[in-house]
Amino acid sequence: MSDRIVLQNMVFDGNHGYYDHERATAQPFEVDVELRLDLRPAGIDDDLEKTVDYGKVFAIAREIVESTELRLLEAIAEAIARDVLAGFPAVEEVTVRVRKPKVQLGGRLDYSGVEITRRT
């Protein structure tokens, strides 16, 4: 499927990290979500009911980042992918990228991140 809905660079504050000091204070996490599904019916009929309401996808990502406390970026990405696939049966595939821009590794680094792709 080549049709995609893309939510790029959503930013939420969360308390995630392997070490206690990473979870002590909220820090920004950047999230991208790409959904693959057939967008033709929605495009032809101009009907939100025939696609995915990306406001709801945004809310899923926000809820997971802001309301949970996970140790790994991989766990954040898995949780988002799982909830998106469970909530939207029309989605055939989801790609989730999670970036942590303020990671402290003792040197200069733009961000650390993960990318996963899951299918129904």
PDB file of N, CA and C in Angstrom:
ATOM      1  N   MET A   1       0.858  -1.185   0.000  1.00  0.00           N
ATOM      2  CA  MET A   1       0.000   0.000   0.000  1.00  0.00           C
ATOM      3  C   MET A   1       0.893   1.233   0.000  1.00  0.00           C
ATOM      4  N   SER A   2       0.690   2.109  -0.965  1.00  0.00           N
ATOM      5  CA  SER A   2       1.529   3.297  -1.065  1.00  0.00           C
ATOM      6  C   SER A   2       0.882   4.536  -0.438  1.00  0.00           C
ATOM      7  N   ASP A   3      -0.395   4.474  -0.073  1.00  0.00           N
ATOM      8  CA  ASP A   3      -1.059   5.618   0.556  1.00  0.00           C
ATOM      9  C   ASP A   3      -0.596   5.726   2.011  1.00  0.00           C
ATOM     10  N   ARG A   4      -0.390   6.970   2.446  1.00  0.00           N
ATOM     11  CA  ARG A   4       0.096   7.187   3.809  1.00  0.00           C
ATOM     12  C   ARG A   4      -0.532   8.414   4.431  1.00  0.00           C
ATOM     13  N   ILE A   5      -0.749   8.350   5.711  1.00  0.00           N
ATOM     14  CA  ILE A   5      -1.026   9.516   6.545  1.00  0.00           C
ATOM     15  C   ILE A   5       0.223   9.697   7.398  1.00  0.00           C
ATOM     16  N   VAL A   6       0.735  10.918   7.461  1.00  0.00           N
ATOM     17  CA  VAL A   6       1.987  11.177   8.162  1.00  0.00           C
ATOM     18  C   VAL A   6       1.766  12.252   9.233  1.00  0.00           C
ATOM     19  N   LEU A   7       2.160  11.941  10.442  1.00  0.00           N
ATOM     20  CA  LEU A   7       2.207  12.922  11.529  1.00  0.00           C
ATOM     21  C   LEU A   7       3.679  13.058  11.886  1.00  0.00           C
ATOM     22  N   GLN A   8       4.255  14.209  11.582  1.00  0.00           N
ATOM     23  CA  GLN A   8       5.696  14.402  11.667  1.00  0.00           C
ATOM     24  C   GLN A   8       6.070  15.342  12.808  1.00  0.00           C
ATOM     25  N   ASN A   9       6.980  14.906  13.644  1.00  0.00           N
ATOM     26  CA  ASN A   9       7.610  15.703  14.693  1.00  0.00           C
ATOM     27  C   ASN A   9       6.627  16.228  15.741  1.00  0.00           C
ATOM     28  N   MET A  10       5.772  15.342  16.230  1.00  0.00           N
ATOM     29  CA  MET A  10       4.965  15.679  17.400  1.00  0.00           C
ATOM     30  C   MET A  10       5.928  15.749  18.586  1.00  0.00           C
ATOM     31  N   VAL A  11       5.756  16.717  19.461  1.00  0.00           N
ATOM     32  CA  VAL A  11       6.657  16.858  20.597  1.00  0.00           C
ATOM     33  C   VAL A  11       5.836  16.847  21.885  1.00  0.00           C
ATOM     34  N   PHE A  12       6.222  15.945  22.780  1.00  0.00           N
ATOM     35  CA  PHE A  12       5.550  15.793  24.071  1.00  0.00           C
ATOM     36  C   PHE A  12       6.612  15.683  25.156  1.00  0.00           C
ATOM     37  N   ASP A  13       6.271  16.109  26.353  1.00  0.00           N
ATOM     38  CA  ASP A  13       7.174  15.972  27.486  1.00  0.00           C
ATOM     39  C   ASP A  13       6.811  14.710  28.256  1.00  0.00           C
ATOM     40  N   GLY A  14       7.842  13.927  28.596  1.00  0.00           N
ATOM     41  CA  GLY A  14       7.608  12.680  29.314  1.00  0.00           C
ATOM     42  C   GLY A  14       8.761  12.340  30.234  1.00  0.00           C
ATOM     43  N   ASN A  15       8.490  11.404  31.134  1.00  0.00           N
ATOM     44  CA  ASN A  15       9.480  10.953  32.111  1.00  0.00           C
ATOM     45  C   ASN A  15       9.906   9.526  31.769  1.00  0.00           C
ATOM     46  N   HIS A  16      10.713   9.410  30.743  1.00  0.00           N
ATOM     47  CA  HIS A  16      11.166   8.103  30.287  1.00  0.00           C
ATOM     48  C   HIS A  16      12.685   8.055  30.312  1.00  0.00           C
ATOM     49  N   GLY A  17      13.211   6.891  30.581  1.00  0.00           N
ATOM     50  CA  GLY A  17      14.651   6.703  30.545  1.00  0.00           C
ATOM     51  C   GLY A  17      15.049   5.520  31.395  1.00  0.00           C
ATOM     52  N   TYR A  18      16.191   4.987  31.113  1.00  0.00           N
ATOM     53  CA  TYR A  18      16.675   3.826  31.836  1.00  0.00           C
ATOM     54  C   TYR A  18      17.136   4.197  33.242  1.00  0.00           C
ATOM     55  N   TYR A  19      17.738   5.371  33.367  1.00  0.00           N
ATOM     56  CA  TYR A  19      18.298   5.784  34.651  1.00  0.00           C
ATOM     57  C   TYR A  19      17.320   6.674  35.408  1.00  0.00           C
ATOM     58  N   ASP A  20      17.404   6.607  36.741  1.00  0.00           N
ATOM     59  CA  ASP A  20      16.496   7.380  37.596  1.00  0.00           C
ATOM     60  C   ASP A  20      16.537   8.869  37.273  1.00  0.00           C
ATOM     61  N   HIS A  21      17.734   9.421  37.026  1.00  0.00           N
ATOM     62  CA  HIS A  21      17.828  10.863  36.766  1.00  0.00           C
ATOM     63  C   HIS A  21      17.105  11.244  35.465  1.00  0.00           C
ATOM     64  N   GLU A  22      16.956  10.311  34.534  1.00  0.00           N
ATOM     65  CA  GLU A  22      16.236  10.595  33.291  1.00  0.00           C
ATOM     66  C   GLU A  22      14.732  10.683  33.529  1.00  0.00           C
ATOM     67  N   ARG A  23      14.246   9.955  34.532  1.00  0.00           N
ATOM     68  CA  ARG A  23      12.811   9.950  34.831  1.00  0.00           C
ATOM     69  C   ARG A  23      12.413  10.987  35.872  1.00  0.00           C
ATOM     70  N   ALA A  24      13.406  11.642  36.490  1.00  0.00           N
ATOM     71  CA  ALA A  24      13.130  12.595  37.571  1.00  0.00           C
ATOM     72  C   ALA A  24      12.465  13.869  37.070  1.00  0.00           C
ATOM     73  N   THR A  25      12.816  14.308  35.876  1.00  0.00           N
ATOM     74  CA  THR A  25      12.285  15.555  35.318  1.00  0.00           C
ATOM     75  C   THR A  25      11.816  15.290  33.896  1.00  0.00           C
ATOM     76  N   ALA A  26      10.642  15.798  33.567  1.00  0.00           N
ATOM     77  CA  ALA A  26      10.116  15.613  32.211  1.00  0.00           C
ATOM     78  C   ALA A  26      11.064  16.224  31.192  1.00  0.00           C
ATOM     79  N   GLN A  27      11.177  15.555  30.059  1.00  0.00           N
ATOM     80  CA  GLN A  27      12.015  16.029  28.960  1.00  0.00           C
ATOM     81  C   GLN A  27      11.264  15.810  27.650  1.00  0.00           C
ATOM     82  N   PRO A  28      11.666  16.501  26.602  1.00  0.00           N
ATOM     83  CA  PRO A  28      10.936  16.373  25.334  1.00  0.00           C
ATOM     84  C   PRO A  28      11.247  15.057  24.616  1.00  0.00           C
ATOM     85  N   PHE A  29      10.210  14.531  23.982  1.00  0.00           N
ATOM     86  CA  PHE A  29      10.321  13.375  23.094  1.00  0.00           C
ATOM     87  C   PHE A  29       9.633  13.752  21.790  1.00  0.00           C
ATOM     88  N   GLU A  30      10.278  13.445  20.683  1.00  0.00           N
ATOM     89  CA  GLU A  30       9.730  13.734  19.356  1.00  0.00           C
ATOM     90  C   GLU A  30       9.223  12.434  18.759  1.00  0.00           C
ATOM     91  N   VAL A  31       8.028  12.481  18.185  1.00  0.00           N
ATOM     92  CA  VAL A  31       7.393  11.273  17.667  1.00  0.00           C
ATOM     93  C   VAL A  31       6.880  11.517  16.248  1.00  0.00           C
ATOM     94  N   ASP A  32       7.171  10.571  15.354  1.00  0.00           N
ATOM     95  CA  ASP A  32       6.594  10.550  14.011  1.00  0.00           C
ATOM     96  C   ASP A  32       5.764   9.277  13.902  1.00  0.00           C
ATOM     97  N   VAL A  33       4.613   9.384  13.255  1.00  0.00           N
ATOM     98  CA  VAL A  33       3.784   8.210  12.997  1.00  0.00           C
ATOM     99  C   VAL A  33       3.371   8.244  11.534  1.00  0.00           C
ATOM    100  N   GLU A  34       3.606   7.145  10.834  1.00  0.00           N
ATOM    101  CA  GLU A  34       3.163   6.995   9.449  1.00  0.00           C
ATOM    102  C   GLU A  34       2.207   5.812   9.376  1.00  0.00           C
ATOM    103  N   LEU A  35       1.036   6.064   8.835  1.00  0.00           N
ATOM    104  CA  LEU A  35       0.016   5.031   8.687  1.00  0.00           C
ATOM    105  C   LEU A  35      -0.110   4.669   7.218  1.00  0.00           C
ATOM    106  N   ARG A  36      -0.160   3.390   6.925  1.00  0.00           N
ATOM    107  CA  ARG A  36      -0.383   2.940   5.555  1.00  0.00           C
ATOM    108  C   ARG A  36      -1.753   2.278   5.483  1.00  0.00           C
ATOM    109  N   LEU A  37      -2.574   2.814   4.585  1.00  0.00           N
ATOM    110  CA  LEU A  37      -3.917   2.315   4.377  1.00  0.00           C
ATOM    111  C   LEU A  37      -4.433   2.855   3.053  1.00  0.00           C
ATOM    112  N   ASP A  38      -5.530   2.314   2.594  1.00  0.00           N
ATOM    113  CA  ASP A  38      -6.133   2.762   1.340  1.00  0.00           C
ATOM    114  C   ASP A  38      -6.904   4.060   1.591  1.00  0.00           C
ATOM    115  N   LEU A  39      -6.407   5.153   1.043  1.00  0.00           N
ATOM    116  CA  LEU A  39      -7.048   6.458   1.228  1.00  0.00           C
ATOM    117  C   LEU A  39      -8.025   6.814   0.112  1.00  0.00           C
ATOM    118  N   ARG A  40      -8.125   5.962  -0.878  1.00  0.00           N
ATOM    119  CA  ARG A  40      -8.998   6.243  -2.025  1.00  0.00           C
ATOM    120  C   ARG A  40     -10.455   6.482  -1.623  1.00  0.00           C
ATOM    121  N   PRO A  41     -11.086   5.613  -0.802  1.00  0.00           N
ATOM    122  CA  PRO A  41     -12.493   5.859  -0.451  1.00  0.00           C
ATOM    123  C   PRO A  41     -12.720   7.221   0.208  1.00  0.00           C
ATOM    124  N   ALA A  42     -11.826   7.619   1.105  1.00  0.00           N
ATOM    125  CA  ALA A  42     -11.962   8.923   1.755  1.00  0.00           C
ATOM    126  C   ALA A  42     -11.759  10.053   0.764  1.00  0.00           C
ATOM    127  N   GLY A  43     -10.788   9.881  -0.134  1.00  0.00           N
ATOM    128  CA  GLY A  43     -10.513  10.916  -1.128  1.00  0.00           C
ATOM    129  C   GLY A  43     -11.639  11.090  -2.117  1.00  0.00           C
ATOM    130  N   ILE A  44     -12.252   9.998  -2.530  1.00  0.00           N
ATOM    131  CA  ILE A  44     -13.353  10.068  -3.493  1.00  0.00           C
ATOM    132  C   ILE A  44     -14.594  10.684  -2.861  1.00  0.00           C
ATOM    133  N   ASP A  45     -14.909  10.233  -1.628  1.00  0.00           N
ATOM    134  CA  ASP A  45     -16.150  10.683  -0.987  1.00  0.00           C
ATOM    135  C   ASP A  45     -15.968  11.878  -0.051  1.00  0.00           C
ATOM    136  N   ASP A  46     -14.714  12.318   0.154  1.00  0.00           N
ATOM    137  CA  ASP A  46     -14.441  13.432   1.052  1.00  0.00           C
ATOM    138  C   ASP A  46     -15.090  13.189   2.416  1.00  0.00           C
ATOM    139  N   ASP A  47     -14.806  11.986   2.978  1.00  0.00           N
ATOM    140  CA  ASP A  47     -15.514  11.512   4.159  1.00  0.00           C
ATOM    141  C   ASP A  47     -14.519  11.059   5.227  1.00  0.00           C
ATOM    142  N   LEU A  48     -14.502  11.745   6.358  1.00  0.00           N
ATOM    143  CA  LEU A  48     -13.608  11.413   7.461  1.00  0.00           C
ATOM    144  C   LEU A  48     -13.841  10.002   7.981  1.00  0.00           C
ATOM    145  N   GLU A  49     -15.072   9.530   7.908  1.00  0.00           N
ATOM    146  CA  GLU A  49     -15.391   8.183   8.392  1.00  0.00           C
ATOM    147  C   GLU A  49     -14.703   7.092   7.574  1.00  0.00           C
ATOM    148  N   LYS A  50     -14.178   7.433   6.403  1.00  0.00           N
ATOM    149  CA  LYS A  50     -13.538   6.442   5.530  1.00  0.00           C
ATOM    150  C   LYS A  50     -12.019   6.518   5.579  1.00  0.00           C
ATOM    151  N   THR A  51     -11.503   7.199   6.594  1.00  0.00           N
ATOM    152  CA  THR A  51     -10.055   7.312   6.773  1.00  0.00           C
ATOM    153  C   THR A  51      -9.760   7.231   8.262  1.00  0.00           C
ATOM    154  N   VAL A  52      -8.610   7.674   8.667  1.00  0.00           N
ATOM    155  CA  VAL A  52      -8.229   7.705  10.074  1.00  0.00           C
ATOM    156  C   VAL A  52      -8.192   9.161  10.524  1.00  0.00           C
ATOM    157  N   ASP A  53      -8.879   9.435  11.602  1.00  0.00           N
ATOM    158  CA  ASP A  53      -8.859  10.775  12.203  1.00  0.00           C
ATOM    159  C   ASP A  53      -7.500  10.947  12.877  1.00  0.00           C
ATOM    160  N   TYR A  54      -6.613  11.727  12.255  1.00  0.00           N
ATOM    161  CA  TYR A  54      -5.262  11.807  12.790  1.00  0.00           C
ATOM    162  C   TYR A  54      -5.190  12.569  14.100  1.00  0.00           C
ATOM    163  N   GLY A  55      -6.243  13.285  14.445  1.00  0.00           N
ATOM    164  CA  GLY A  55      -6.310  13.879  15.785  1.00  0.00           C
ATOM    165  C   GLY A  55      -6.340  12.801  16.856  1.00  0.00           C
ATOM    166  N   LYS A  56      -6.976  11.682  16.541  1.00  0.00           N
ATOM    167  CA  LYS A  56      -7.027  10.560  17.491  1.00  0.00           C
ATOM    168  C   LYS A  56      -5.674   9.861  17.581  1.00  0.00           C
ATOM    169  N   VAL A  57      -4.955   9.791  16.480  1.00  0.00           N
ATOM    170  CA  VAL A  57      -3.604   9.217  16.498  1.00  0.00           C
ATOM    171  C   VAL A  57      -2.683  10.107  17.332  1.00  0.00           C
ATOM    172  N   PHE A  58      -2.797  11.408  17.150  1.00  0.00           N
ATOM    173  CA  PHE A  58      -2.038  12.375  17.954  1.00  0.00           C
ATOM    174  C   PHE A  58      -2.320  12.152  19.437  1.00  0.00           C
ATOM    175  N   ALA A  59      -3.593  11.970  19.777  1.00  0.00           N
ATOM    176  CA  ALA A  59      -3.980  11.766  21.178  1.00  0.00           C
ATOM    177  C   ALA A  59      -3.382  10.480  21.750  1.00  0.00           C
ATOM    178  N   ILE A  60      -3.311   9.428  20.946  1.00  0.00           N
ATOM    179  CA  ILE A  60      -2.687   8.175  21.396  1.00  0.00           C
ATOM    180  C   ILE A  60      -1.219   8.406  21.719  1.00  0.00           C
ATOM    181  N   ALA A  61      -0.499   9.044  20.809  1.00  0.00           N
ATOM    182  CA  ALA A  61       0.928   9.301  21.033  1.00  0.00           C
ATOM    183  C   ALA A  61       1.126  10.177  22.269  1.00  0.00           C
ATOM    184  N   ARG A  62       0.335  11.211  22.398  1.00  0.00           N
ATOM    185  CA  ARG A  62       0.445  12.113  23.553  1.00  0.00           C
ATOM    186  C   ARG A  62       0.192  11.356  24.856  1.00  0.00           C
ATOM    187  N   GLU A  63      -0.852  10.565  24.885  1.00  0.00           N
ATOM    188  CA  GLU A  63      -1.204   9.814  26.099  1.00  0.00           C
ATOM    189  C   GLU A  63      -0.061   8.902  26.532  1.00  0.00           C
ATOM    190  N   ILE A  64       0.530   8.194  25.588  1.00  0.00           N
ATOM    191  CA  ILE A  64       1.613   7.270  25.921  1.00  0.00           C
ATOM    192  C   ILE A  64       2.853   8.013  26.399  1.00  0.00           C
ATOM    193  N   VAL A  65       3.224   9.068  25.722  1.00  0.00           N
ATOM    194  CA  VAL A  65       4.438   9.790  26.119  1.00  0.00           C
ATOM    195  C   VAL A  65       4.226  10.551  27.424  1.00  0.00           C
ATOM    196  N   GLU A  66       3.096  11.193  27.585  1.00  0.00           N
ATOM    197  CA  GLU A  66       2.898  12.064  28.745  1.00  0.00           C
ATOM    198  C   GLU A  66       2.383  11.344  29.987  1.00  0.00           C
ATOM    199  N   SER A  67       1.747  10.167  29.832  1.00  0.00           N
ATOM    200  CA  SER A  67       1.076   9.540  30.972  1.00  0.00           C
ATOM    201  C   SER A  67       1.665   8.206  31.404  1.00  0.00           C
ATOM    202  N   THR A  68       2.736   7.777  30.772  1.00  0.00           N
ATOM    203  CA  THR A  68       3.382   6.532  31.182  1.00  0.00           C
ATOM    204  C   THR A  68       4.815   6.841  31.594  1.00  0.00           C
ATOM    205  N   GLU A  69       5.465   5.864  32.167  1.00  0.00           N
ATOM    206  CA  GLU A  69       6.874   6.006  32.508  1.00  0.00           C
ATOM    207  C   GLU A  69       7.561   4.714  32.069  1.00  0.00           C
ATOM    208  N   LEU A  70       8.229   4.780  30.940  1.00  0.00           N
ATOM    209  CA  LEU A  70       8.900   3.617  30.371  1.00  0.00           C
ATOM    210  C   LEU A  70      10.402   3.851  30.367  1.00  0.00           C
ATOM    211  N   ARG A  71      11.139   2.777  30.309  1.00  0.00           N
ATOM    212  CA  ARG A  71      12.598   2.895  30.342  1.00  0.00           C
ATOM    213  C   ARG A  71      13.207   3.072  28.950  1.00  0.00           C
ATOM    214  N   LEU A  72      12.603   2.457  27.945  1.00  0.00           N
ATOM    215  CA  LEU A  72      13.231   2.420  26.627  1.00  0.00           C
ATOM    216  C   LEU A  72      12.397   3.130  25.562  1.00  0.00           C
ATOM    217  N   LEU A  73      13.079   3.760  24.620  1.00  0.00           N
ATOM    218  CA  LEU A  73      12.405   4.342  23.458  1.00  0.00           C
ATOM    219  C   LEU A  73      11.669   3.250  22.689  1.00  0.00           C
ATOM    220  N   GLU A  74      12.235   2.060  22.653  1.00  0.00           N
ATOM    221  CA  GLU A  74      11.603   0.926  21.973  1.00  0.00           C
ATOM    222  C   GLU A  74      10.224   0.636  22.563  1.00  0.00           C
ATOM    223  N   ALA A  75      10.100   0.741  23.887  1.00  0.00           N
ATOM    224  CA  ALA A  75       8.820   0.481  24.548  1.00  0.00           C
ATOM    225  C   ALA A  75       7.789   1.562  24.221  1.00  0.00           C
ATOM    226  N   ILE A  76       8.233   2.805  24.119  1.00  0.00           N
ATOM    227  CA  ILE A  76       7.326   3.893  23.734  1.00  0.00           C
ATOM    228  C   ILE A  76       6.800   3.641  22.322  1.00  0.00           C
ATOM    229  N   ALA A  77       7.701   3.321  21.402  1.00  0.00           N
ATOM    230  CA  ALA A  77       7.311   3.075  20.012  1.00  0.00           C
ATOM    231  C   ALA A  77       6.359   1.885  19.908  1.00  0.00           C
ATOM    232  N   GLU A  78       6.660   0.805  20.612  1.00  0.00           N
ATOM    233  CA  GLU A  78       5.793  -0.387  20.579  1.00  0.00           C
ATOM    234  C   GLU A  78       4.393  -0.065  21.097  1.00  0.00           C
ATOM    235  N   ALA A  79       4.319   0.689  22.178  1.00  0.00           N
ATOM    236  CA  ALA A  79       3.018   1.034  22.756  1.00  0.00           C
ATOM    237  C   ALA A  79       2.190   1.865  21.778  1.00  0.00           C
ATOM    238  N   ILE A  80       2.814   2.820  21.125  1.00  0.00           N
ATOM    239  CA  ILE A  80       2.097   3.650  20.147  1.00  0.00           C
ATOM    240  C   ILE A  80       1.627   2.793  18.980  1.00  0.00           C
ATOM    241  N   ALA A  81       2.521   1.973  18.429  1.00  0.00           N
ATOM    242  CA  ALA A  81       2.155   1.122  17.290  1.00  0.00           C
ATOM    243  C   ALA A  81       1.012   0.176  17.662  1.00  0.00           C
ATOM    244  N   ARG A  82       1.107  -0.443  18.826  1.00  0.00           N
ATOM    245  CA  ARG A  82       0.074  -1.377  19.281  1.00  0.00           C
ATOM    246  C   ARG A  82      -1.291  -0.690  19.383  1.00  0.00           C
ATOM    247  N   ASP A  83      -1.329   0.480  20.016  1.00  0.00           N
ATOM    248  CA  ASP A  83      -2.604   1.169  20.213  1.00  0.00           C
ATOM    249  C   ASP A  83      -3.184   1.692  18.897  1.00  0.00           C
ATOM    250  N   VAL A  84      -2.332   2.140  17.984  1.00  0.00           N
ATOM    251  CA  VAL A  84      -2.812   2.614  16.684  1.00  0.00           C
ATOM    252  C   VAL A  84      -3.405   1.449  15.894  1.00  0.00           C
ATOM    253  N   LEU A  85      -2.692   0.339  15.834  1.00  0.00           N
ATOM    254  CA  LEU A  85      -3.212  -0.823  15.080  1.00  0.00           C
ATOM    255  C   LEU A  85      -4.489  -1.369  15.707  1.00  0.00           C
ATOM    256  N   ALA A  86      -4.573  -1.359  17.027  1.00  0.00           N
ATOM    257  CA  ALA A  86      -5.779  -1.846  17.705  1.00  0.00           C
ATOM    258  C   ALA A  86      -6.957  -0.906  17.507  1.00  0.00           C
ATOM    259  N   GLY A  87      -6.683   0.378  17.421  1.00  0.00           N
ATOM    260  CA  GLY A  87      -7.758   1.361  17.345  1.00  0.00           C
ATOM    261  C   GLY A  87      -8.279   1.661  15.957  1.00  0.00           C
ATOM    262  N   PHE A  88      -7.511   1.269  14.930  1.00  0.00           N
ATOM    263  CA  PHE A  88      -7.881   1.623  13.557  1.00  0.00           C
ATOM    264  C   PHE A  88      -7.703   0.414  12.637  1.00  0.00           C
ATOM    265  N   PRO A  89      -8.729  -0.406  12.496  1.00  0.00           N
ATOM    266  CA  PRO A  89      -8.617  -1.626  11.705  1.00  0.00           C
ATOM    267  C   PRO A  89      -8.246  -1.402  10.237  1.00  0.00           C
ATOM    268  N   ALA A  90      -8.521  -0.231   9.700  1.00  0.00           N
ATOM    269  CA  ALA A  90      -8.184   0.042   8.293  1.00  0.00           C
ATOM    270  C   ALA A  90      -6.685   0.197   8.074  1.00  0.00           C
ATOM    271  N   VAL A  91      -5.934   0.465   9.141  1.00  0.00           N
ATOM    272  CA  VAL A  91      -4.489   0.651   9.018  1.00  0.00           C
ATOM    273  C   VAL A  91      -3.830  -0.709   8.807  1.00  0.00           C
ATOM    274  N   GLU A  92      -3.104  -0.820   7.706  1.00  0.00           N
ATOM    275  CA  GLU A  92      -2.419  -2.068   7.372  1.00  0.00           C
ATOM    276  C   GLU A  92      -1.018  -2.126   7.969  1.00  0.00           C
ATOM    277  N   GLU A  93      -0.409  -0.950   8.127  1.00  0.00           N
ATOM    278  CA  GLU A  93       0.966  -0.884   8.611  1.00  0.00           C
ATOM    279  C   GLU A  93       1.181   0.457   9.278  1.00  0.00           C
ATOM    280  N   VAL A  94       1.970   0.461  10.338  1.00  0.00           N
ATOM    281  CA  VAL A  94       2.311   1.707  11.020  1.00  0.00           C
ATOM    282  C   VAL A  94       3.817   1.737  11.260  1.00  0.00           C
ATOM    283  N   THR A  95       4.407   2.885  11.002  1.00  0.00           N
ATOM    284  CA  THR A  95       5.806   3.125  11.332  1.00  0.00           C
ATOM    285  C   THR A  95       5.837   4.214  12.393  1.00  0.00           C
ATOM    286  N   VAL A  96       6.593   3.955  13.448  1.00  0.00           N
ATOM    287  CA  VAL A  96       6.706   4.908  14.554  1.00  0.00           C
ATOM    288  C   VAL A  96       8.179   5.209  14.777  1.00  0.00           C
ATOM    289  N   ARG A  97       8.495   6.491  14.844  1.00  0.00           N
ATOM    290  CA  ARG A  97       9.838   6.938  15.186  1.00  0.00           C
ATOM    291  C   ARG A  97       9.739   7.737  16.481  1.00  0.00           C
ATOM    292  N   VAL A  98      10.628   7.435  17.414  1.00  0.00           N
ATOM    293  CA  VAL A  98      10.686   8.180  18.669  1.00  0.00           C
ATOM    294  C   VAL A  98      12.115   8.677  18.840  1.00  0.00           C
ATOM    295  N   ARG A  99      12.247   9.980  19.095  1.00  0.00           N
ATOM    296  CA  ARG A  99      13.552  10.601  19.282  1.00  0.00           C
ATOM    297  C   ARG A  99      13.622  11.271  20.656  1.00  0.00           C
ATOM    298  N   LYS A 100      14.798  11.190  21.240  1.00  0.00           N
ATOM    299  CA  LYS A 100      15.059  11.835  22.529  1.00  0.00           C
ATOM    300  C   LYS A 100      16.173  12.856  22.289  1.00  0.00           C
ATOM    301  N   PRO A 101      15.810  14.134  22.119  1.00  0.00           N
ATOM    302  CA  PRO A 101      16.819  15.127  21.736  1.00  0.00           C
ATOM    303  C   PRO A 101      17.759  15.560  22.860  1.00  0.00           C
ATOM    304  N   LYS A 102      17.387  15.349  24.090  1.00  0.00           N
ATOM    305  CA  LYS A 102      18.238  15.819  25.186  1.00  0.00           C
ATOM    306  C   LYS A 102      18.952  14.673  25.888  1.00  0.00           C
ATOM    307  N   VAL A 103      19.232  13.628  25.151  1.00  0.00           N
ATOM    308  CA  VAL A 103      19.951  12.496  25.735  1.00  0.00           C
ATOM    309  C   VAL A 103      21.361  12.923  26.124  1.00  0.00           C
ATOM    310  N   GLN A 104      21.824  12.441  27.271  1.00  0.00           N
ATOM    311  CA  GLN A 104      23.143  12.823  27.772  1.00  0.00           C
ATOM    312  C   GLN A 104      24.088  11.631  27.661  1.00  0.00           C
ATOM    313  N   LEU A 105      24.989  11.696  26.705  1.00  0.00           N
ATOM    314  CA  LEU A 105      25.945  10.618  26.494  1.00  0.00           C
ATOM    315  C   LEU A 105      27.389  11.087  26.637  1.00  0.00           C
ATOM    316  N   GLY A 106      27.589  12.284  27.142  1.00  0.00           N
ATOM    317  CA  GLY A 106      28.934  12.770  27.379  1.00  0.00           C
ATOM    318  C   GLY A 106      29.584  13.439  26.181  1.00  0.00           C
ATOM    319  N   GLY A 107      28.797  13.744  25.178  1.00  0.00           N
ATOM    320  CA  GLY A 107      29.323  14.414  23.997  1.00  0.00           C
ATOM    321  C   GLY A 107      28.180  14.975  23.168  1.00  0.00           C
ATOM    322  N   ARG A 108      28.535  15.619  22.101  1.00  0.00           N
ATOM    323  CA  ARG A 108      27.539  16.253  21.232  1.00  0.00           C
ATOM    324  C   ARG A 108      26.747  15.198  20.454  1.00  0.00           C
ATOM    325  N   LEU A 109      25.438  15.364  20.455  1.00  0.00           N
ATOM    326  CA  LEU A 109      24.538  14.436  19.775  1.00  0.00           C
ATOM    327  C   LEU A 109      23.214  15.146  19.552  1.00  0.00           C
ATOM    328  N   ASP A 110      22.679  15.102  18.339  1.00  0.00           N
ATOM    329  CA  ASP A 110      21.384  15.733  18.073  1.00  0.00           C
ATOM    330  C   ASP A 110      20.253  15.009  18.798  1.00  0.00           C
ATOM    331  N   TYR A 111      20.243  13.691  18.722  1.00  0.00           N
ATOM    332  CA  TYR A 111      19.220  12.899  19.396  1.00  0.00           C
ATOM    333  C   TYR A 111      19.579  11.423  19.313  1.00  0.00           C
ATOM    334  N   SER A 112      18.948  10.646  20.171  1.00  0.00           N
ATOM    335  CA  SER A 112      18.950   9.196  20.005  1.00  0.00           C
ATOM    336  C   SER A 112      17.537   8.843  19.572  1.00  0.00           C
ATOM    337  N   GLY A 113      17.375   7.751  18.865  1.00  0.00           N
ATOM    338  CA  GLY A 113      16.038   7.423  18.392  1.00  0.00           C
ATOM    339  C   GLY A 113      15.899   5.986  17.958  1.00  0.00           C
ATOM    340  N   VAL A 114      14.641   5.584  17.801  1.00  0.00           N
ATOM    341  CA  VAL A 114      14.307   4.264  17.276  1.00  0.00           C
ATOM    342  C   VAL A 114      13.232   4.425  16.209  1.00  0.00           C
ATOM    343  N   GLU A 115      13.162   3.462  15.320  1.00  0.00           N
ATOM    344  CA  GLU A 115      12.117   3.393  14.304  1.00  0.00           C
ATOM    345  C   GLU A 115      11.660   1.947  14.209  1.00  0.00           C
ATOM    346  N   ILE A 116      10.341   1.748  14.299  1.00  0.00           N
ATOM    347  CA  ILE A 116       9.785   0.406  14.155  1.00  0.00           C
ATOM    348  C   ILE A 116       8.651   0.444  13.119  1.00  0.00           C
ATOM    349  N   THR A 117       8.415  -0.673  12.489  1.00  0.00           N
ATOM    350  CA  THR A 117       7.284  -0.831  11.577  1.00  0.00           C
ATOM    351  C   THR A 117       6.547  -2.095  11.992  1.00  0.00           C
ATOM    352  N   ARG A 118       5.233  -1.984  12.156  1.00  0.00           N
ATOM    353  CA  ARG A 118       4.406  -3.115  12.531  1.00  0.00           C
ATOM    354  C   ARG A 118       3.225  -3.222  11.567  1.00  0.00           C
ATOM    355  N   ARG A 119       2.804  -4.437  11.334  1.00  0.00           N
ATOM    356  CA  ARG A 119       1.696  -4.709  10.415  1.00  0.00           C
ATOM    357  C   ARG A 119       0.579  -5.466  11.125  1.00  0.00           C
ATOM    358  N   THR A 120      -0.595  -5.393  10.569  1.00  0.00           N
ATOM    359  CA  THR A 120      -1.707  -6.136  11.147  1.00  0.00           C
ATOM    360  C   THR A 120      -1.570  -7.604  10.833  1.00  0.00           C
TER     361      THR A 120
END
